[in-house]
Amino acid sequence: MSCQHDHGLSASSSPAYRRILWVALAVNFAMFAVEIGSGLAAQSVSLLADSLDFLGDAANYGISLFVLGLALRWRARASLVKAASMGAFGLWVAITTVQHAMAGTVPAAPVMGAIGALAFAANLGVAVLLYRWRDGDSNMRSVWLCTRNDAIGNLAVLAAAAGVFGSGTGWPDYAVAAVMSGLALWGAVQVVRQAVGELRQPPHDHDSHDHHHPHAVGSL
C-alpha cells in the first residue's frame, strides 16, 4: 500500500510542514556556525565535514521551501540539485579525509565529543519533526534522508571522539569522515533514482494532483 501522493499533497498544503522546514533551516545554519569554528579549533575532519553538511542542509531546506507548492516535476528537478550537492559533499569529505590521514592530524577528542553531542541533539530534534513526512515525493524524501544521515553521522563523531581519546591517533576521526562520505553518496543515489522516475512520468500524471487540489500551491 502506497500513500506517497497523499503525503505530498498534505505537506504542500500544510502550514505545519512549512514551519518545520523553517525551524530545520535555522537549526542547521546555527549548527554550521558552531561546528565550523569548533572543527577548525579541534583539527577534526569529521567536525569540519559535519559543519559543511549542516550548511548544505540549510540550503536544501531553503530550496524545499521554495518548491513546496509547485508541481511534482519542479520538485523533482529541485531534488536533482540537492542530490548533486549531497554527492559533492561526499566527494569533498573523501578528499579531505585522505589529506588529514596523510598529514597524521590528531584532533582534540573532548571538543569532538561535546560538539558531536550538541549536533546529535539538534539533528534528532529535526528528524523527529520530519518523521511524519519521510515517505513523500523525492523532494520530501531528500529532506528526510539528509536529516537522518546527519543524526547517524553525529553518533559516529561521538564514537570517533572516544576512539581518538583512547588511541591517541586520528584514525577514528578519519574512519568517521569516510562513513559520512559514504552516507552522502548513497543518499544522493537514492534521491536521483526517485527524482528521475518522477520526471519520466507523463506531465499530466504527476501535475494533475496539484491542479485538482486548490490548496496544493502555497505562498512562501
Protein backbone atom coordinates (compact mmCIF):
# COMPACT_ATOMS: atom_id res chain seq x y z
CA MET A 1 0.00 0.00 0.00
CA SER A 2 1.45 3.35 -1.04
CA CYS A 3 0.50 6.76 0.34
CA GLN A 4 3.19 8.86 -1.32
CA HIS A 5 0.80 11.13 -3.19
CA ASP A 6 -1.31 11.70 -0.07
CA HIS A 7 1.80 12.66 1.90
CA GLY A 8 2.91 15.03 -0.85
CA LEU A 9 -0.43 16.77 -1.07
CA SER A 10 -0.86 17.18 2.66
CA ALA A 11 2.66 18.54 3.01
CA SER A 12 2.32 21.03 0.18
CA SER A 13 -0.82 22.45 1.77
CA SER A 14 0.29 22.08 5.39
CA PRO A 15 1.45 25.17 7.29
CA ALA A 16 2.93 22.78 9.88
CA TYR A 17 5.33 21.23 7.35
CA ARG A 18 6.41 24.66 6.15
CA ARG A 19 7.08 25.78 9.74
CA ILE A 20 9.12 22.65 10.37
CA LEU A 21 11.28 23.40 7.33
CA TRP A 22 11.92 26.93 8.64
CA VAL A 23 12.90 25.52 12.04
CA ALA A 24 15.18 22.98 10.37
CA LEU A 25 16.81 25.71 8.29
CA ALA A 26 17.51 27.85 11.35
CA VAL A 27 18.87 24.94 13.40
CA ASN A 28 21.17 23.77 10.61
CA PHE A 29 22.57 27.23 9.93
CA ALA A 30 23.26 27.80 13.62
CA MET A 31 24.98 24.43 13.95
CA PHE A 32 27.10 25.16 10.88
CA ALA A 33 28.47 28.24 12.62
CA VAL A 34 29.17 26.29 15.82
CA GLU A 35 30.81 23.31 14.11
CA ILE A 36 32.98 25.17 11.60
CA GLY A 37 34.64 27.07 14.43
CA SER A 38 34.96 24.00 16.63
CA GLY A 39 36.23 21.82 13.81
CA LEU A 40 38.98 24.28 12.95
CA ALA A 41 39.95 24.65 16.61
CA ALA A 42 39.96 20.89 17.23
CA GLN A 43 41.53 19.99 13.84
CA SER A 44 38.82 17.38 13.38
CA VAL A 45 37.97 16.42 9.81
CA SER A 46 34.71 14.78 10.95
CA LEU A 47 33.55 18.00 12.64
CA LEU A 48 34.54 20.07 9.60
CA ALA A 49 32.66 17.66 7.36
CA ASP A 50 29.63 17.81 9.63
CA SER A 51 29.72 21.62 9.65
CA LEU A 52 29.58 21.81 5.85
CA ASP A 53 26.85 19.17 5.93
CA PHE A 54 24.80 21.46 8.18
CA LEU A 55 25.35 24.34 5.74
CA GLY A 56 24.33 22.19 2.80
CA ASP A 57 21.21 21.03 4.61
CA ALA A 58 20.24 24.61 5.43
CA ALA A 59 20.40 25.37 1.71
CA ASN A 60 18.41 22.21 0.96
CA TYR A 61 15.65 23.22 3.37
CA GLY A 62 15.55 26.63 1.71
CA ILE A 63 15.14 25.03 -1.72
CA SER A 64 12.42 22.76 -0.34
CA LEU A 65 10.51 25.76 0.99
CA PHE A 66 10.74 27.45 -2.41
CA VAL A 67 9.39 24.48 -4.42
CA LEU A 68 6.98 23.11 -1.80
CA GLY A 69 3.81 24.29 -3.53
CA LEU A 70 4.98 23.69 -7.10
CA ALA A 71 4.10 20.79 -9.40
CA LEU A 72 5.85 17.46 -8.85
CA ARG A 73 8.07 17.92 -11.92
CA TRP A 74 9.61 21.07 -10.41
CA ARG A 75 10.03 19.41 -7.03
CA ALA A 76 11.81 16.51 -8.73
CA ARG A 77 14.16 18.91 -10.51
CA ALA A 78 14.97 20.56 -7.19
CA SER A 79 15.69 17.10 -5.80
CA LEU A 80 18.30 16.56 -8.52
CA VAL A 81 20.02 19.80 -7.48
CA LYS A 82 20.03 18.70 -3.86
CA ALA A 83 21.31 15.24 -4.81
CA ALA A 84 24.20 16.87 -6.65
CA SER A 85 25.06 18.85 -3.52
CA MET A 86 24.93 15.67 -1.41
CA GLY A 87 27.25 13.94 -3.87
CA ALA A 88 29.65 16.88 -3.94
CA PHE A 89 29.75 16.88 -0.15
CA GLY A 90 30.59 13.18 -0.14
CA LEU A 91 33.47 13.65 -2.55
CA TRP A 92 34.82 16.64 -0.60
CA VAL A 93 34.81 14.66 2.63
CA ALA A 94 36.64 11.78 0.96
CA ILE A 95 39.39 14.07 -0.36
CA THR A 96 39.76 15.93 2.94
CA THR A 97 39.95 12.66 4.86
CA VAL A 98 42.83 11.47 2.71
CA GLN A 99 44.67 14.75 3.26
CA HIS A 100 44.31 14.53 7.05
CA ALA A 101 45.34 10.89 7.08
CA MET A 102 48.49 11.69 5.11
CA ALA A 103 49.30 14.55 7.48
CA GLY A 104 48.65 12.40 10.57
CA THR A 105 46.44 15.03 12.20
CA VAL A 106 45.28 14.15 15.74
CA PRO A 107 42.11 16.10 16.67
CA ALA A 108 41.07 17.25 20.15
CA ALA A 109 38.80 14.48 21.44
CA PRO A 110 36.99 16.49 24.18
CA VAL A 111 35.89 19.16 21.69
CA MET A 112 34.77 16.48 19.24
CA GLY A 113 32.67 14.81 21.93
CA ALA A 114 31.00 17.96 23.21
CA ILE A 115 30.14 19.38 19.79
CA GLY A 116 29.15 15.96 18.46
CA ALA A 117 26.65 15.56 21.29
CA LEU A 118 25.18 19.01 20.63
CA ALA A 119 24.92 18.31 16.90
CA PHE A 120 23.21 14.97 17.53
CA ALA A 121 20.62 16.59 19.79
CA ALA A 122 19.91 19.22 17.11
CA ASN A 123 19.54 16.68 14.29
CA LEU A 124 17.49 14.28 16.39
CA GLY A 125 15.02 17.05 17.16
CA VAL A 126 14.68 17.96 13.46
CA ALA A 127 14.38 14.27 12.48
CA VAL A 128 11.51 13.77 14.93
CA LEU A 129 9.70 16.76 13.43
CA LEU A 130 10.20 15.49 9.86
CA TYR A 131 9.44 11.80 10.50
CA ARG A 132 5.77 12.12 9.56
CA TRP A 133 6.67 13.23 6.01
CA ARG A 134 9.57 10.83 5.35
CA ASP A 135 7.76 8.90 2.55
CA GLY A 136 6.62 11.76 0.34
CA ASP A 137 7.93 12.72 -3.11
CA SER A 138 11.65 12.82 -3.94
CA ASN A 139 11.99 16.39 -2.64
CA MET A 140 10.49 15.47 0.74
CA ARG A 141 12.48 12.23 0.85
CA SER A 142 15.72 14.13 0.24
CA VAL A 143 14.94 16.37 3.22
CA TRP A 144 14.34 13.34 5.43
CA LEU A 145 17.44 11.49 4.19
CA CYS A 146 19.68 14.49 4.85
CA THR A 147 18.42 14.80 8.42
CA ARG A 148 18.58 11.07 9.11
CA ASN A 149 22.12 10.82 7.73
CA ASP A 150 23.18 13.77 9.86
CA ALA A 151 21.98 12.10 13.04
CA ILE A 152 23.82 8.88 12.14
CA GLY A 153 26.92 10.91 11.35
CA ASN A 154 26.74 12.65 14.73
CA LEU A 155 26.71 9.30 16.52
CA ALA A 156 29.76 8.32 14.51
CA VAL A 157 31.51 11.56 15.54
CA LEU A 158 30.88 10.68 19.20
CA ALA A 159 32.35 7.23 18.62
CA ALA A 160 35.34 8.80 16.88
CA ALA A 161 35.92 11.15 19.81
CA ALA A 162 36.08 8.16 22.14
CA GLY A 163 38.40 6.37 19.73
CA VAL A 164 40.75 9.34 19.40
CA PHE A 165 40.82 9.75 23.16
CA GLY A 166 41.61 6.07 23.72
CA SER A 167 44.11 5.56 20.92
CA GLY A 168 45.82 8.94 20.74
CA THR A 169 45.66 8.78 16.94
CA GLY A 170 43.48 10.43 14.32
CA TRP A 171 42.34 7.24 12.61
CA PRO A 172 38.94 7.06 14.32
CA ASP A 173 38.30 10.59 13.04
CA TYR A 174 39.28 9.58 9.51
CA ALA A 175 37.05 6.49 9.67
CA VAL A 176 34.03 8.57 10.67
CA ALA A 177 34.67 11.02 7.85
CA ALA A 178 34.73 8.06 5.45
CA VAL A 179 31.36 6.85 6.80
CA MET A 180 29.86 10.33 6.37
CA SER A 181 31.17 10.44 2.81
CA GLY A 182 29.54 7.10 2.03
CA LEU A 183 26.21 8.17 3.56
CA ALA A 184 26.16 11.33 1.46
CA LEU A 185 26.96 9.49 -1.77
CA TRP A 186 24.39 6.74 -1.14
CA GLY A 187 21.73 9.27 -0.19
CA ALA A 188 22.40 11.17 -3.43
CA VAL A 189 21.93 7.96 -5.45
CA GLN A 190 18.61 7.21 -3.74
CA VAL A 191 17.24 10.71 -4.36
CA VAL A 192 18.37 10.73 -8.00
CA ARG A 193 16.64 7.40 -8.66
CA GLN A 194 13.32 8.61 -7.29
CA ALA A 195 13.53 12.06 -8.93
CA VAL A 196 14.36 10.57 -12.34
CA GLY A 197 11.40 8.22 -12.00
CA GLU A 198 9.12 11.17 -11.26
CA LEU A 199 10.46 13.14 -14.22
CA ARG A 200 9.84 10.20 -16.57
CA GLN A 201 6.14 10.19 -15.77
CA PRO A 202 3.87 11.95 -18.31
CA PRO A 203 3.31 15.56 -17.14
CA HIS A 204 -0.46 15.10 -16.76
CA ASP A 205 0.06 12.16 -14.40
CA HIS A 206 2.02 13.99 -11.73
CA ASP A 207 0.96 17.60 -12.29
CA SER A 208 -2.78 16.84 -12.22
CA HIS A 209 -2.62 16.19 -8.49
CA ASP A 210 -1.67 19.78 -7.87
CA HIS A 211 -4.17 21.14 -10.39
CA HIS A 212 -7.08 19.27 -8.84
CA HIS A 213 -6.30 20.48 -5.33
CA PRO A 214 -6.64 24.26 -4.92
CA HIS A 215 -4.57 24.16 -1.73
CA ALA A 216 -1.57 22.48 -3.37
CA VAL A 217 0.06 25.77 -4.25
CA GLY A 218 1.02 27.70 -1.18
CA SER A 219 2.59 31.08 -0.76
CA LEU A 220 6.12 31.32 0.55
